[in-house]
Amino acid sequence: MIFGTGIDIIEVDKVEKQISNNNGFTEKIFTKREIEYCESKKNKAQHYAARFAAKEAFFKAIGTGWRNGMAFNEIEILNNELGKPEILLHGKTKEFSEKQLINNIHVSLSHLKKIVTAIITLEK
């Protein structure tokens, strides 16, 4: 049964400005493994932006938005061995999802040079 869906679209330039500022944005929003992955890419801003969009879409899908102590860096988007993005949850975000009996998270990321989008579907 579908619990919720979320979609987000963002301009790569906006995320690129944030990660270039060295103001703690990267560490506040992304996990260590996400940072390592994005930094290893030629156009790292696209990969950061895609993950940021997925986190926004996740908060839309759970229906609460970003609140109740949940944090962006508790949502981790990693690629499996075939390159498919998958989500791992941590902390209060994981606790909330378990309490809601969410047992499957589907994520799709797409990016062009200047725009990225992400869609999330949560299943019970």
PDB file of N, CA and C in Angstrom:
ATOM      1  N   MET A   1       0.832  -1.165   0.000  1.00  0.00           N
ATOM      2  CA  MET A   1       0.000   0.000   0.000  1.00  0.00           C
ATOM      3  C   MET A   1       0.893   1.251   0.000  1.00  0.00           C
ATOM      4  N   ILE A   2       0.546   2.231  -0.805  1.00  0.00           N
ATOM      5  CA  ILE A   2       1.317   3.465  -0.898  1.00  0.00           C
ATOM      6  C   ILE A   2       1.050   4.328   0.336  1.00  0.00           C
ATOM      7  N   PHE A   3       2.115   4.732   1.004  1.00  0.00           N
ATOM      8  CA  PHE A   3       2.013   5.636   2.149  1.00  0.00           C
ATOM      9  C   PHE A   3       2.052   7.087   1.677  1.00  0.00           C
ATOM     10  N   GLY A   4       2.938   7.366   0.713  1.00  0.00           N
ATOM     11  CA  GLY A   4       3.052   8.733   0.219  1.00  0.00           C
ATOM     12  C   GLY A   4       4.013   8.825  -0.947  1.00  0.00           C
ATOM     13  N   THR A   5       3.893   9.914  -1.688  1.00  0.00           N
ATOM     14  CA  THR A   5       4.814  10.200  -2.784  1.00  0.00           C
ATOM     15  C   THR A   5       5.284  11.648  -2.639  1.00  0.00           C
ATOM     16  N   GLY A   6       6.464  11.898  -3.139  1.00  0.00           N
ATOM     17  CA  GLY A   6       7.002  13.248  -3.122  1.00  0.00           C
ATOM     18  C   GLY A   6       7.866  13.472  -4.344  1.00  0.00           C
ATOM     19  N   ILE A   7       7.883  14.695  -4.808  1.00  0.00           N
ATOM     20  CA  ILE A   7       8.706  15.054  -5.958  1.00  0.00           C
ATOM     21  C   ILE A   7       9.341  16.401  -5.675  1.00  0.00           C
ATOM     22  N   ASP A   8      10.545  16.593  -6.179  1.00  0.00           N
ATOM     23  CA  ASP A   8      11.201  17.878  -6.043  1.00  0.00           C
ATOM     24  C   ASP A   8      12.056  18.136  -7.272  1.00  0.00           C
ATOM     25  N   ILE A   9      12.192  19.401  -7.608  1.00  0.00           N
ATOM     26  CA  ILE A   9      13.028  19.837  -8.715  1.00  0.00           C
ATOM     27  C   ILE A   9      13.836  21.026  -8.223  1.00  0.00           C
ATOM     28  N   ILE A  10      15.092  21.085  -8.611  1.00  0.00           N
ATOM     29  CA  ILE A  10      15.954  22.171  -8.140  1.00  0.00           C
ATOM     30  C   ILE A  10      16.971  22.530  -9.214  1.00  0.00           C
ATOM     31  N   GLU A  11      17.378  23.788  -9.196  1.00  0.00           N
ATOM     32  CA  GLU A  11      18.423  24.245 -10.108  1.00  0.00           C
ATOM     33  C   GLU A  11      19.788  23.888  -9.521  1.00  0.00           C
ATOM     34  N   VAL A  12      20.641  23.312 -10.327  1.00  0.00           N
ATOM     35  CA  VAL A  12      21.972  22.894  -9.887  1.00  0.00           C
ATOM     36  C   VAL A  12      22.762  24.087  -9.361  1.00  0.00           C
ATOM     37  N   ASP A  13      22.630  25.246  -9.999  1.00  0.00           N
ATOM     38  CA  ASP A  13      23.387  26.438  -9.594  1.00  0.00           C
ATOM     39  C   ASP A  13      23.148  26.821  -8.135  1.00  0.00           C
ATOM     40  N   LYS A  14      21.921  26.659  -7.655  1.00  0.00           N
ATOM     41  CA  LYS A  14      21.613  27.017  -6.271  1.00  0.00           C
ATOM     42  C   LYS A  14      22.368  26.137  -5.281  1.00  0.00           C
ATOM     43  N   VAL A  15      22.434  24.855  -5.578  1.00  0.00           N
ATOM     44  CA  VAL A  15      23.163  23.938  -4.700  1.00  0.00           C
ATOM     45  C   VAL A  15      24.663  24.175  -4.848  1.00  0.00           C
ATOM     46  N   GLU A  16      25.115  24.432  -6.060  1.00  0.00           N
ATOM     47  CA  GLU A  16      26.540  24.684  -6.290  1.00  0.00           C
ATOM     48  C   GLU A  16      27.020  25.885  -5.471  1.00  0.00           C
ATOM     49  N   LYS A  17      26.221  26.940  -5.400  1.00  0.00           N
ATOM     50  CA  LYS A  17      26.577  28.116  -4.592  1.00  0.00           C
ATOM     51  C   LYS A  17      26.707  27.737  -3.127  1.00  0.00           C
ATOM     52  N   GLN A  18      25.778  26.931  -2.635  1.00  0.00           N
ATOM     53  CA  GLN A  18      25.813  26.523  -1.228  1.00  0.00           C
ATOM     54  C   GLN A  18      27.054  25.680  -0.906  1.00  0.00           C
ATOM     55  N   ILE A  19      27.374  24.721  -1.771  1.00  0.00           N
ATOM     56  CA  ILE A  19      28.530  23.861  -1.476  1.00  0.00           C
ATOM     57  C   ILE A  19      29.846  24.611  -1.660  1.00  0.00           C
ATOM     58  N   SER A  20      29.847  25.674  -2.463  1.00  0.00           N
ATOM     59  CA  SER A  20      31.057  26.472  -2.685  1.00  0.00           C
ATOM     60  C   SER A  20      31.330  27.448  -1.549  1.00  0.00           C
ATOM     61  N   ASN A  21      30.315  27.797  -0.785  1.00  0.00           N
ATOM     62  CA  ASN A  21      30.451  28.795   0.279  1.00  0.00           C
ATOM     63  C   ASN A  21      31.255  28.322   1.488  1.00  0.00           C
ATOM     64  N   ASN A  22      31.455  27.022   1.630  1.00  0.00           N
ATOM     65  CA  ASN A  22      32.154  26.470   2.794  1.00  0.00           C
ATOM     66  C   ASN A  22      31.547  26.967   4.107  1.00  0.00           C
ATOM     67  N   ASN A  23      30.220  27.016   4.146  1.00  0.00           N
ATOM     68  CA  ASN A  23      29.520  27.508   5.335  1.00  0.00           C
ATOM     69  C   ASN A  23      28.915  26.373   6.170  1.00  0.00           C
ATOM     70  N   GLY A  24      29.356  25.146   5.928  1.00  0.00           N
ATOM     71  CA  GLY A  24      28.836  24.004   6.673  1.00  0.00           C
ATOM     72  C   GLY A  24      27.618  23.352   6.046  1.00  0.00           C
ATOM     73  N   PHE A  25      27.146  23.905   4.937  1.00  0.00           N
ATOM     74  CA  PHE A  25      25.968  23.363   4.260  1.00  0.00           C
ATOM     75  C   PHE A  25      26.163  21.886   3.916  1.00  0.00           C
ATOM     76  N   THR A  26      27.289  21.562   3.326  1.00  0.00           N
ATOM     77  CA  THR A  26      27.534  20.190   2.862  1.00  0.00           C
ATOM     78  C   THR A  26      27.440  19.204   4.025  1.00  0.00           C
ATOM     79  N   GLU A  27      28.116  19.500   5.118  1.00  0.00           N
ATOM     80  CA  GLU A  27      28.125  18.592   6.268  1.00  0.00           C
ATOM     81  C   GLU A  27      26.775  18.542   6.978  1.00  0.00           C
ATOM     82  N   LYS A  28      26.020  19.634   6.923  1.00  0.00           N
ATOM     83  CA  LYS A  28      24.707  19.670   7.573  1.00  0.00           C
ATOM     84  C   LYS A  28      23.675  18.855   6.795  1.00  0.00           C
ATOM     85  N   ILE A  29      23.792  18.812   5.489  1.00  0.00           N
ATOM     86  CA  ILE A  29      22.783  18.199   4.631  1.00  0.00           C
ATOM     87  C   ILE A  29      23.132  16.764   4.232  1.00  0.00           C
ATOM     88  N   PHE A  30      24.411  16.487   4.007  1.00  0.00           N
ATOM     89  CA  PHE A  30      24.825  15.210   3.432  1.00  0.00           C
ATOM     90  C   PHE A  30      25.653  14.380   4.407  1.00  0.00           C
ATOM     91  N   THR A  31      25.580  13.050   4.231  1.00  0.00           N
ATOM     92  CA  THR A  31      26.389  12.140   5.045  1.00  0.00           C
ATOM     93  C   THR A  31      27.803  12.076   4.478  1.00  0.00           C
ATOM     94  N   LYS A  32      28.687  11.517   5.261  1.00  0.00           N
ATOM     95  CA  LYS A  32      30.086  11.369   4.831  1.00  0.00           C
ATOM     96  C   LYS A  32      30.171  10.570   3.521  1.00  0.00           C
ATOM     97  N   ARG A  33      29.405   9.489   3.436  1.00  0.00           N
ATOM     98  CA  ARG A  33      29.449   8.660   2.217  1.00  0.00           C
ATOM     99  C   ARG A  33      28.879   9.402   1.011  1.00  0.00           C
ATOM    100  N   GLU A  34      27.851  10.216   1.212  1.00  0.00           N
ATOM    101  CA  GLU A  34      27.303  11.009   0.110  1.00  0.00           C
ATOM    102  C   GLU A  34      28.336  12.039  -0.366  1.00  0.00           C
ATOM    103  N   ILE A  35      29.007  12.675   0.575  1.00  0.00           N
ATOM    104  CA  ILE A  35      30.031  13.663   0.229  1.00  0.00           C
ATOM    105  C   ILE A  35      31.153  13.002  -0.559  1.00  0.00           C
ATOM    106  N   GLU A  36      31.616  11.850  -0.094  1.00  0.00           N
ATOM    107  CA  GLU A  36      32.675  11.125  -0.813  1.00  0.00           C
ATOM    108  C   GLU A  36      32.242  10.788  -2.231  1.00  0.00           C
ATOM    109  N   TYR A  37      31.005  10.322  -2.388  1.00  0.00           N
ATOM    110  CA  TYR A  37      30.489   9.976  -3.716  1.00  0.00           C
ATOM    111  C   TYR A  37      30.433  11.213  -4.614  1.00  0.00           C
ATOM    112  N   CYS A  38      29.811  12.268  -4.142  1.00  0.00           N
ATOM    113  CA  CYS A  38      29.634  13.475  -4.968  1.00  0.00           C
ATOM    114  C   CYS A  38      30.977  14.113  -5.321  1.00  0.00           C
ATOM    115  N   GLU A  39      31.890  14.155  -4.366  1.00  0.00           N
ATOM    116  CA  GLU A  39      33.200  14.748  -4.613  1.00  0.00           C
ATOM    117  C   GLU A  39      34.009  13.960  -5.638  1.00  0.00           C
ATOM    118  N   SER A  40      33.678  12.690  -5.819  1.00  0.00           N
ATOM    119  CA  SER A  40      34.413  11.864  -6.784  1.00  0.00           C
ATOM    120  C   SER A  40      33.917  12.056  -8.224  1.00  0.00           C
ATOM    121  N   LYS A  41      32.849  12.815  -8.404  1.00  0.00           N
ATOM    122  CA  LYS A  41      32.237  12.991  -9.717  1.00  0.00           C
ATOM    123  C   LYS A  41      32.741  14.252 -10.401  1.00  0.00           C
ATOM    124  N   LYS A  42      32.777  14.218 -11.734  1.00  0.00           N
ATOM    125  CA  LYS A  42      33.235  15.361 -12.531  1.00  0.00           C
ATOM    126  C   LYS A  42      32.364  16.587 -12.259  1.00  0.00           C
ATOM    127  N   ASN A  43      31.054  16.428 -12.353  1.00  0.00           N
ATOM    128  CA  ASN A  43      30.141  17.533 -12.073  1.00  0.00           C
ATOM    129  C   ASN A  43      29.467  17.268 -10.732  1.00  0.00           C
ATOM    130  N   LYS A  44      30.212  17.488  -9.676  1.00  0.00           N
ATOM    131  CA  LYS A  44      29.730  17.141  -8.340  1.00  0.00           C
ATOM    132  C   LYS A  44      28.462  17.887  -7.948  1.00  0.00           C
ATOM    133  N   ALA A  45      28.275  19.099  -8.439  1.00  0.00           N
ATOM    134  CA  ALA A  45      27.093  19.880  -8.065  1.00  0.00           C
ATOM    135  C   ALA A  45      25.806  19.183  -8.509  1.00  0.00           C
ATOM    136  N   GLN A  46      25.819  18.540  -9.668  1.00  0.00           N
ATOM    137  CA  GLN A  46      24.628  17.804 -10.127  1.00  0.00           C
ATOM    138  C   GLN A  46      24.287  16.684  -9.160  1.00  0.00           C
ATOM    139  N   HIS A  47      25.282  15.984  -8.677  1.00  0.00           N
ATOM    140  CA  HIS A  47      25.057  14.845  -7.790  1.00  0.00           C
ATOM    141  C   HIS A  47      24.602  15.303  -6.398  1.00  0.00           C
ATOM    142  N   TYR A  48      25.203  16.386  -5.915  1.00  0.00           N
ATOM    143  CA  TYR A  48      24.712  16.964  -4.657  1.00  0.00           C
ATOM    144  C   TYR A  48      23.261  17.418  -4.818  1.00  0.00           C
ATOM    145  N   ALA A  49      22.980  18.109  -5.913  1.00  0.00           N
ATOM    146  CA  ALA A  49      21.628  18.629  -6.139  1.00  0.00           C
ATOM    147  C   ALA A  49      20.604  17.504  -6.230  1.00  0.00           C
ATOM    148  N   ALA A  50      20.952  16.423  -6.897  1.00  0.00           N
ATOM    149  CA  ALA A  50      20.027  15.286  -7.018  1.00  0.00           C
ATOM    150  C   ALA A  50      19.715  14.701  -5.647  1.00  0.00           C
ATOM    151  N   ARG A  51      20.727  14.585  -4.808  1.00  0.00           N
ATOM    152  CA  ARG A  51      20.513  14.047  -3.472  1.00  0.00           C
ATOM    153  C   ARG A  51      19.715  15.019  -2.607  1.00  0.00           C
ATOM    154  N   PHE A  52      19.985  16.306  -2.754  1.00  0.00           N
ATOM    155  CA  PHE A  52      19.204  17.305  -2.023  1.00  0.00           C
ATOM    156  C   PHE A  52      17.732  17.232  -2.427  1.00  0.00           C
ATOM    157  N   ALA A  53      17.477  17.128  -3.734  1.00  0.00           N
ATOM    158  CA  ALA A  53      16.098  17.024  -4.224  1.00  0.00           C
ATOM    159  C   ALA A  53      15.422  15.771  -3.677  1.00  0.00           C
ATOM    160  N   ALA A  54      16.153  14.663  -3.594  1.00  0.00           N
ATOM    161  CA  ALA A  54      15.581  13.421  -3.064  1.00  0.00           C
ATOM    162  C   ALA A  54      15.209  13.577  -1.591  1.00  0.00           C
ATOM    163  N   LYS A  55      16.029  14.276  -0.832  1.00  0.00           N
ATOM    164  CA  LYS A  55      15.731  14.497   0.585  1.00  0.00           C
ATOM    165  C   LYS A  55      14.477  15.362   0.733  1.00  0.00           C
ATOM    166  N   GLU A  56      14.386  16.410  -0.087  1.00  0.00           N
ATOM    167  CA  GLU A  56      13.180  17.252  -0.080  1.00  0.00           C
ATOM    168  C   GLU A  56      11.952  16.427  -0.458  1.00  0.00           C
ATOM    169  N   ALA A  57      12.072  15.603  -1.489  1.00  0.00           N
ATOM    170  CA  ALA A  57      10.953  14.766  -1.937  1.00  0.00           C
ATOM    171  C   ALA A  57      10.557  13.769  -0.839  1.00  0.00           C
ATOM    172  N   PHE A  58      11.537  13.245  -0.116  1.00  0.00           N
ATOM    173  CA  PHE A  58      11.237  12.319   0.974  1.00  0.00           C
ATOM    174  C   PHE A  58      10.389  13.006   2.042  1.00  0.00           C
ATOM    175  N   PHE A  59      10.781  14.211   2.448  1.00  0.00           N
ATOM    176  CA  PHE A  59      10.007  14.930   3.463  1.00  0.00           C
ATOM    177  C   PHE A  59       8.597  15.242   2.977  1.00  0.00           C
ATOM    178  N   LYS A  60       8.427  15.477   1.695  1.00  0.00           N
ATOM    179  CA  LYS A  60       7.087  15.669   1.137  1.00  0.00           C
ATOM    180  C   LYS A  60       6.301  14.361   1.193  1.00  0.00           C
ATOM    181  N   ALA A  61       6.967  13.262   0.887  1.00  0.00           N
ATOM    182  CA  ALA A  61       6.295  11.954   0.852  1.00  0.00           C
ATOM    183  C   ALA A  61       5.816  11.509   2.234  1.00  0.00           C
ATOM    184  N   ILE A  62       6.555  11.833   3.279  1.00  0.00           N
ATOM    185  CA  ILE A  62       6.110  11.408   4.615  1.00  0.00           C
ATOM    186  C   ILE A  62       4.989  12.293   5.142  1.00  0.00           C
ATOM    187  N   GLY A  63       4.769  13.430   4.501  1.00  0.00           N
ATOM    188  CA  GLY A  63       3.624  14.259   4.835  1.00  0.00           C
ATOM    189  C   GLY A  63       3.816  15.212   6.001  1.00  0.00           C
ATOM    190  N   THR A  64       5.008  15.259   6.572  1.00  0.00           N
ATOM    191  CA  THR A  64       5.245  16.151   7.704  1.00  0.00           C
ATOM    192  C   THR A  64       6.131  17.323   7.333  1.00  0.00           C
ATOM    193  N   GLY A  65       6.850  17.193   6.250  1.00  0.00           N
ATOM    194  CA  GLY A  65       7.887  18.174   5.960  1.00  0.00           C
ATOM    195  C   GLY A  65       9.054  17.957   6.898  1.00  0.00           C
ATOM    196  N   TRP A  66       9.944  18.921   6.931  1.00  0.00           N
ATOM    197  CA  TRP A  66      11.170  18.843   7.726  1.00  0.00           C
ATOM    198  C   TRP A  66      10.900  19.394   9.120  1.00  0.00           C
ATOM    199  N   ARG A  67      10.560  18.492  10.049  1.00  0.00           N
ATOM    200  CA  ARG A  67      10.264  18.900  11.424  1.00  0.00           C
ATOM    201  C   ARG A  67      10.382  17.711  12.361  1.00  0.00           C
ATOM    202  N   ASN A  68       9.965  17.891  13.589  1.00  0.00           N
ATOM    203  CA  ASN A  68       9.973  16.829  14.606  1.00  0.00           C
ATOM    204  C   ASN A  68      11.355  16.243  14.850  1.00  0.00           C
ATOM    205  N   GLY A  69      12.398  17.079  14.714  1.00  0.00           N
ATOM    206  CA  GLY A  69      13.760  16.623  14.979  1.00  0.00           C
ATOM    207  C   GLY A  69      14.408  15.836  13.867  1.00  0.00           C
ATOM    208  N   MET A  70      13.685  15.640  12.763  1.00  0.00           N
ATOM    209  CA  MET A  70      14.278  14.926  11.635  1.00  0.00           C
ATOM    210  C   MET A  70      15.251  15.849  10.911  1.00  0.00           C
ATOM    211  N   ALA A  71      16.283  15.267  10.297  1.00  0.00           N
ATOM    212  CA  ALA A  71      17.319  16.075   9.660  1.00  0.00           C
ATOM    213  C   ALA A  71      17.640  15.546   8.260  1.00  0.00           C
ATOM    214  N   PHE A  72      18.072  16.454   7.413  1.00  0.00           N
ATOM    215  CA  PHE A  72      18.434  16.085   6.044  1.00  0.00           C
ATOM    216  C   PHE A  72      19.532  15.025   6.019  1.00  0.00           C
ATOM    217  N   ASN A  73      20.518  15.134   6.910  1.00  0.00           N
ATOM    218  CA  ASN A  73      21.620  14.175   6.878  1.00  0.00           C
ATOM    219  C   ASN A  73      21.249  12.822   7.480  1.00  0.00           C
ATOM    220  N   GLU A  74      19.992  12.662   7.903  1.00  0.00           N
ATOM    221  CA  GLU A  74      19.498  11.352   8.335  1.00  0.00           C
ATOM    222  C   GLU A  74      18.909  10.569   7.166  1.00  0.00           C
ATOM    223  N   ILE A  75      18.846  11.205   6.005  1.00  0.00           N
ATOM    224  CA  ILE A  75      18.383  10.563   4.773  1.00  0.00           C
ATOM    225  C   ILE A  75      19.610  10.420   3.889  1.00  0.00           C
ATOM    226  N   GLU A  76      20.008   9.201   3.636  1.00  0.00           N
ATOM    227  CA  GLU A  76      21.245   8.948   2.888  1.00  0.00           C
ATOM    228  C   GLU A  76      20.924   8.279   1.561  1.00  0.00           C
ATOM    229  N   ILE A  77      21.337   8.897   0.473  1.00  0.00           N
ATOM    230  CA  ILE A  77      21.107   8.343  -0.860  1.00  0.00           C
ATOM    231  C   ILE A  77      22.426   7.788  -1.374  1.00  0.00           C
ATOM    232  N   LEU A  78      22.447   6.476  -1.548  1.00  0.00           N
ATOM    233  CA  LEU A  78      23.622   5.778  -2.055  1.00  0.00           C
ATOM    234  C   LEU A  78      23.211   4.975  -3.280  1.00  0.00           C
ATOM    235  N   ASN A  79      24.169   4.662  -4.119  1.00  0.00           N
ATOM    236  CA  ASN A  79      23.881   3.837  -5.291  1.00  0.00           C
ATOM    237  C   ASN A  79      24.269   2.395  -5.001  1.00  0.00           C
ATOM    238  N   ASN A  80      23.415   1.459  -5.436  1.00  0.00           N
ATOM    239  CA  ASN A  80      23.745   0.046  -5.262  1.00  0.00           C
ATOM    240  C   ASN A  80      24.791  -0.362  -6.298  1.00  0.00           C
ATOM    241  N   GLU A  81      25.128  -1.633  -6.311  1.00  0.00           N
ATOM    242  CA  GLU A  81      26.191  -2.119  -7.201  1.00  0.00           C
ATOM    243  C   GLU A  81      25.866  -1.935  -8.682  1.00  0.00           C
ATOM    244  N   LEU A  82      24.598  -1.770  -9.023  1.00  0.00           N
ATOM    245  CA  LEU A  82      24.197  -1.545 -10.412  1.00  0.00           C
ATOM    246  C   LEU A  82      24.028  -0.056 -10.734  1.00  0.00           C
ATOM    247  N   GLY A  83      24.217   0.805  -9.731  1.00  0.00           N
ATOM    248  CA  GLY A  83      24.089   2.238  -9.931  1.00  0.00           C
ATOM    249  C   GLY A  83      22.732   2.807  -9.573  1.00  0.00           C
ATOM    250  N   LYS A  84      21.811   1.951  -9.149  1.00  0.00           N
ATOM    251  CA  LYS A  84      20.460   2.404  -8.786  1.00  0.00           C
ATOM    252  C   LYS A  84      20.509   3.117  -7.437  1.00  0.00           C
ATOM    253  N   PRO A  85      19.931   4.321  -7.352  1.00  0.00           N
ATOM    254  CA  PRO A  85      19.919   5.009  -6.057  1.00  0.00           C
ATOM    255  C   PRO A  85      18.977   4.323  -5.067  1.00  0.00           C
ATOM    256  N   GLU A  86      19.435   4.276  -3.829  1.00  0.00           N
ATOM    257  CA  GLU A  86      18.651   3.695  -2.748  1.00  0.00           C
ATOM    258  C   GLU A  86      18.761   4.613  -1.541  1.00  0.00           C
ATOM    259  N   ILE A  87      17.788   4.538  -0.658  1.00  0.00           N
ATOM    260  CA  ILE A  87      17.776   5.398   0.530  1.00  0.00           C
ATOM    261  C   ILE A  87      17.958   4.564   1.788  1.00  0.00           C
ATOM    262  N   LEU A  88      18.855   5.044   2.638  1.00  0.00           N
ATOM    263  CA  LEU A  88      19.028   4.512   3.986  1.00  0.00           C
ATOM    264  C   LEU A  88      18.633   5.623   4.940  1.00  0.00           C
ATOM    265  N   LEU A  89      17.883   5.268   5.972  1.00  0.00           N
ATOM    266  CA  LEU A  89      17.448   6.257   6.954  1.00  0.00           C
ATOM    267  C   LEU A  89      18.193   6.060   8.265  1.00  0.00           C
ATOM    268  N   HIS A  90      18.376   7.157   8.974  1.00  0.00           N
ATOM    269  CA  HIS A  90      19.077   7.145  10.255  1.00  0.00           C
ATOM    270  C   HIS A  90      18.309   8.014  11.248  1.00  0.00           C
ATOM    271  N   GLY A  91      18.616   7.841  12.521  1.00  0.00           N
ATOM    272  CA  GLY A  91      18.116   8.721  13.571  1.00  0.00           C
ATOM    273  C   GLY A  91      16.608   8.826  13.664  1.00  0.00           C
ATOM    274  N   LYS A  92      16.136  10.043  13.952  1.00  0.00           N
ATOM    275  CA  LYS A  92      14.706  10.289  14.141  1.00  0.00           C
ATOM    276  C   LYS A  92      13.906  10.028  12.865  1.00  0.00           C
ATOM    277  N   THR A  93      14.532  10.234  11.722  1.00  0.00           N
ATOM    278  CA  THR A  93      13.844   9.973  10.456  1.00  0.00           C
ATOM    279  C   THR A  93      13.566   8.483  10.306  1.00  0.00           C
ATOM    280  N   LYS A  94      14.523   7.665  10.682  1.00  0.00           N
ATOM    281  CA  LYS A  94      14.328   6.212  10.648  1.00  0.00           C
ATOM    282  C   LYS A  94      13.259   5.798  11.663  1.00  0.00           C
ATOM    283  N   GLU A  95      13.330   6.363  12.863  1.00  0.00           N
ATOM    284  CA  GLU A  95      12.335   6.045  13.895  1.00  0.00           C
ATOM    285  C   GLU A  95      10.923   6.396  13.432  1.00  0.00           C
ATOM    286  N   PHE A  96      10.768   7.580  12.848  1.00  0.00           N
ATOM    287  CA  PHE A  96       9.456   7.998  12.358  1.00  0.00           C
ATOM    288  C   PHE A  96       8.944   7.034  11.290  1.00  0.00           C
ATOM    289  N   SER A  97       9.807   6.675  10.351  1.00  0.00           N
ATOM    290  CA  SER A  97       9.406   5.784   9.257  1.00  0.00           C
ATOM    291  C   SER A  97       9.014   4.405   9.773  1.00  0.00           C
ATOM    292  N   GLU A  98       9.767   3.897  10.736  1.00  0.00           N
ATOM    293  CA  GLU A  98       9.430   2.602  11.331  1.00  0.00           C
ATOM    294  C   GLU A  98       8.098   2.675  12.065  1.00  0.00           C
ATOM    295  N   LYS A  99       7.860   3.766  12.773  1.00  0.00           N
ATOM    296  CA  LYS A  99       6.598   3.954  13.500  1.00  0.00           C
ATOM    297  C   LYS A  99       5.410   3.990  12.534  1.00  0.00           C
ATOM    298  N   GLN A 100       5.627   4.532  11.343  1.00  0.00           N
ATOM    299  CA  GLN A 100       4.577   4.595  10.322  1.00  0.00           C
ATOM    300  C   GLN A 100       4.481   3.301   9.502  1.00  0.00           C
ATOM    301  N   LEU A 101       5.330   2.333   9.830  1.00  0.00           N
ATOM    302  CA  LEU A 101       5.381   1.027   9.162  1.00  0.00           C
ATOM    303  C   LEU A 101       5.780   1.124   7.683  1.00  0.00           C
ATOM    304  N   ILE A 102       6.569   2.129   7.357  1.00  0.00           N
ATOM    305  CA  ILE A 102       7.090   2.247   5.984  1.00  0.00           C
ATOM    306  C   ILE A 102       8.168   1.188   5.821  1.00  0.00           C
ATOM    307  N   ASN A 103       7.977   0.295   4.859  1.00  0.00           N
ATOM    308  CA  ASN A 103       8.927  -0.800   4.702  1.00  0.00           C
ATOM    309  C   ASN A 103       9.623  -0.827   3.342  1.00  0.00           C
ATOM    310  N   ASN A 104       9.276   0.089   2.466  1.00  0.00           N
ATOM    311  CA  ASN A 104       9.928   0.128   1.152  1.00  0.00           C
ATOM    312  C   ASN A 104       9.964   1.571   0.665  1.00  0.00           C
ATOM    313  N   ILE A 105      11.134   1.982   0.211  1.00  0.00           N
ATOM    314  CA  ILE A 105      11.311   3.335  -0.308  1.00  0.00           C
ATOM    315  C   ILE A 105      11.848   3.236  -1.726  1.00  0.00           C
ATOM    316  N   HIS A 106      11.129   3.833  -2.655  1.00  0.00           N
ATOM    317  CA  HIS A 106      11.567   3.874  -4.053  1.00  0.00           C
ATOM    318  C   HIS A 106      12.028   5.292  -4.355  1.00  0.00           C
ATOM    319  N   VAL A 107      13.158   5.411  -5.025  1.00  0.00           N
ATOM    320  CA  VAL A 107      13.685   6.726  -5.376  1.00  0.00           C
ATOM    321  C   VAL A 107      14.165   6.716  -6.818  1.00  0.00           C
ATOM    322  N   SER A 108      13.886   7.790  -7.517  1.00  0.00           N
ATOM    323  CA  SER A 108      14.389   7.975  -8.876  1.00  0.00           C
ATOM    324  C   SER A 108      14.945   9.381  -8.984  1.00  0.00           C
ATOM    325  N   LEU A 109      16.155   9.484  -9.513  1.00  0.00           N
ATOM    326  CA  LEU A 109      16.837  10.762  -9.690  1.00  0.00           C
ATOM    327  C   LEU A 109      17.077  10.997 -11.170  1.00  0.00           C
ATOM    328  N   SER A 110      16.977  12.248 -11.580  1.00  0.00           N
ATOM    329  CA  SER A 110      17.269  12.587 -12.967  1.00  0.00           C
ATOM    330  C   SER A 110      17.902  13.963 -12.993  1.00  0.00           C
ATOM    331  N   HIS A 111      18.972  14.100 -13.777  1.00  0.00           N
ATOM    332  CA  HIS A 111      19.573  15.423 -13.853  1.00  0.00           C
ATOM    333  C   HIS A 111      20.035  15.759 -15.256  1.00  0.00           C
ATOM    334  N   LEU A 112      19.834  17.047 -15.536  1.00  0.00           N
ATOM    335  CA  LEU A 112      20.348  17.673 -16.736  1.00  0.00           C
ATOM    336  C   LEU A 112      21.475  18.600 -16.282  1.00  0.00           C
ATOM    337  N   LYS A 113      22.022  19.331 -17.195  1.00  0.00           N
ATOM    338  CA  LYS A 113      23.131  20.207 -16.839  1.00  0.00           C
ATOM    339  C   LYS A 113      22.760  21.210 -15.742  1.00  0.00           C
ATOM    340  N   LYS A 114      21.558  21.785 -15.805  1.00  0.00           N
ATOM    341  CA  LYS A 114      21.190  22.858 -14.883  1.00  0.00           C
ATOM    342  C   LYS A 114      20.025  22.533 -13.956  1.00  0.00           C
ATOM    343  N   ILE A 115      19.352  21.417 -14.172  1.00  0.00           N
ATOM    344  CA  ILE A 115      18.165  21.077 -13.375  1.00  0.00           C
ATOM    345  C   ILE A 115      18.212  19.607 -12.980  1.00  0.00           C
ATOM    346  N   VAL A 116      17.804  19.328 -11.740  1.00  0.00           N
ATOM    347  CA  VAL A 116      17.673  17.943 -11.290  1.00  0.00           C
ATOM    348  C   VAL A 116      16.285  17.752 -10.699  1.00  0.00           C
ATOM    349  N   THR A 117      15.853  16.516 -10.712  1.00  0.00           N
ATOM    350  CA  THR A 117      14.569  16.188 -10.106  1.00  0.00           C
ATOM    351  C   THR A 117      14.685  14.838  -9.405  1.00  0.00           C
ATOM    352  N   ALA A 118      13.831  14.656  -8.422  1.00  0.00           N
ATOM    353  CA  ALA A 118      13.786  13.398  -7.687  1.00  0.00           C
ATOM    354  C   ALA A 118      12.339  13.094  -7.344  1.00  0.00           C
ATOM    355  N   ILE A 119      12.017  11.816  -7.356  1.00  0.00           N
ATOM    356  CA  ILE A 119      10.683  11.369  -6.942  1.00  0.00           C
ATOM    357  C   ILE A 119      10.859  10.216  -5.949  1.00  0.00           C
ATOM    358  N   ILE A 120      10.039  10.240  -4.934  1.00  0.00           N
ATOM    359  CA  ILE A 120      10.062   9.230  -3.874  1.00  0.00           C
ATOM    360  C   ILE A 120       8.672   8.621  -3.749  1.00  0.00           C
ATOM    361  N   THR A 121       8.628   7.308  -3.604  1.00  0.00           N
ATOM    362  CA  THR A 121       7.380   6.621  -3.269  1.00  0.00           C
ATOM    363  C   THR A 121       7.655   5.766  -2.039  1.00  0.00           C
ATOM    364  N   LEU A 122       6.790   5.914  -1.035  1.00  0.00           N
ATOM    365  CA  LEU A 122       6.905   5.159   0.196  1.00  0.00           C
ATOM    366  C   LEU A 122       5.789   4.136   0.268  1.00  0.00           C
ATOM    367  N   GLU A 123       6.139   2.905   0.646  1.00  0.00           N
ATOM    368  CA  GLU A 123       5.158   1.825   0.772  1.00  0.00           C
ATOM    369  C   GLU A 123       5.089   1.338   2.209  1.00  0.00           C
ATOM    370  N   LYS A 124       3.872   0.952   2.600  1.00  0.00           N
ATOM    371  CA  LYS A 124       3.650   0.309   3.897  1.00  0.00           C
ATOM    372  C   LYS A 124       3.613  -1.184   3.698  1.00  0.00           C
TER     373      LYS A 124
END
